[in-house]
Amino acid sequence: MLLDDLYQHRDTQETLAVLDRLDLDTEKPSEEELARKFGFEEDYYKGTLSWWQEIKPRIWSLFDEPYSSNAAK
């Protein structure tokens, strides 16, 4: 039983290592696409984004997209 757990743990570690090396989301959205996604494209085109509109996509990415950065992992 203990030996099976050891092998399963090792297999899991190997799988996680492979997933860490993969770049699943190769194309990051442009600033315009992010503005459209979060509903502030009008402010983006005017050049009047608030600090919250600038940081909100980064925070969202941190929590919702685990492969967006090392911190998100």
Protein backbone atom coordinates (compact mmCIF):
# COMPACT_ATOMS: atom_id res chain seq x y z
CA MET A 1 0.00 0.00 0.00
CA LEU A 2 2.74 2.46 0.94
CA LEU A 3 4.68 1.62 -2.20
CA ASP A 4 1.59 2.25 -4.37
CA ASP A 5 1.14 5.65 -2.74
CA LEU A 6 4.77 6.48 -3.44
CA TYR A 7 4.44 5.58 -7.12
CA GLN A 8 1.21 7.53 -7.45
CA HIS A 9 2.81 10.57 -5.81
CA ARG A 10 5.80 10.36 -8.15
CA ASP A 11 3.53 10.06 -11.21
CA THR A 12 1.55 13.06 -10.04
CA GLN A 13 4.72 15.09 -9.58
CA GLU A 14 5.90 14.19 -13.08
CA THR A 15 2.54 15.19 -14.56
CA LEU A 16 2.59 18.51 -12.73
CA ALA A 17 6.13 19.18 -13.95
CA VAL A 18 5.02 18.62 -17.55
CA LEU A 19 2.02 20.92 -17.09
CA ASP A 20 4.26 23.61 -15.61
CA ARG A 21 6.41 23.54 -18.73
CA LEU A 22 3.44 23.87 -21.08
CA ASP A 23 2.37 27.29 -22.15
CA LEU A 24 -1.33 26.60 -22.62
CA ASP A 25 -2.32 30.17 -23.38
CA THR A 26 0.28 31.37 -25.86
CA GLU A 27 -1.53 34.50 -27.00
CA LYS A 28 -2.29 37.06 -24.36
CA PRO A 29 -5.23 39.35 -25.10
CA SER A 30 -4.45 42.87 -26.24
CA GLU A 31 -5.29 45.87 -24.07
CA GLU A 32 -8.18 46.64 -26.40
CA GLU A 33 -9.59 43.11 -26.03
CA LEU A 34 -9.32 43.36 -22.24
CA ALA A 35 -11.12 46.72 -22.25
CA ARG A 36 -13.91 45.21 -24.34
CA LYS A 37 -14.13 42.14 -22.10
CA PHE A 38 -14.46 44.23 -18.93
CA GLY A 39 -16.82 46.76 -20.48
CA PHE A 40 -14.69 49.89 -20.47
CA GLU A 41 -13.69 50.15 -24.11
CA GLU A 42 -15.11 53.66 -24.36
CA ASP A 43 -12.71 54.88 -21.66
CA TYR A 44 -9.89 52.94 -23.33
CA TYR A 45 -10.46 54.72 -26.66
CA LYS A 46 -10.64 58.09 -24.90
CA GLY A 47 -7.44 57.33 -22.98
CA THR A 48 -9.14 57.94 -19.64
CA LEU A 49 -8.78 54.59 -17.89
CA SER A 50 -8.86 54.81 -14.11
CA TRP A 51 -6.29 53.01 -11.97
CA TRP A 52 -8.93 50.36 -11.20
CA GLN A 53 -9.64 49.77 -14.89
CA GLU A 54 -5.91 49.30 -15.42
CA ILE A 55 -5.43 46.81 -12.56
CA LYS A 56 -8.73 44.87 -12.69
CA PRO A 57 -7.72 42.59 -15.63
CA ARG A 58 -4.46 41.69 -13.86
CA ILE A 59 -6.25 40.79 -10.65
CA TRP A 60 -8.83 38.78 -12.56
CA SER A 61 -6.07 36.93 -14.40
CA LEU A 62 -4.27 36.17 -11.14
CA PHE A 63 -7.27 34.36 -9.68
CA ASP A 64 -8.99 32.97 -12.77
CA GLU A 65 -6.13 31.89 -15.03
CA PRO A 66 -3.63 29.70 -13.17
CA TYR A 67 -1.15 29.66 -16.06
CA SER A 68 -1.08 33.43 -16.51
CA SER A 69 1.91 33.85 -14.17
CA ASN A 70 3.98 32.16 -11.50
CA ALA A 71 2.06 34.03 -8.80
CA ALA A 72 -1.21 32.66 -10.17
CA LYS A 73 0.10 29.10 -9.97
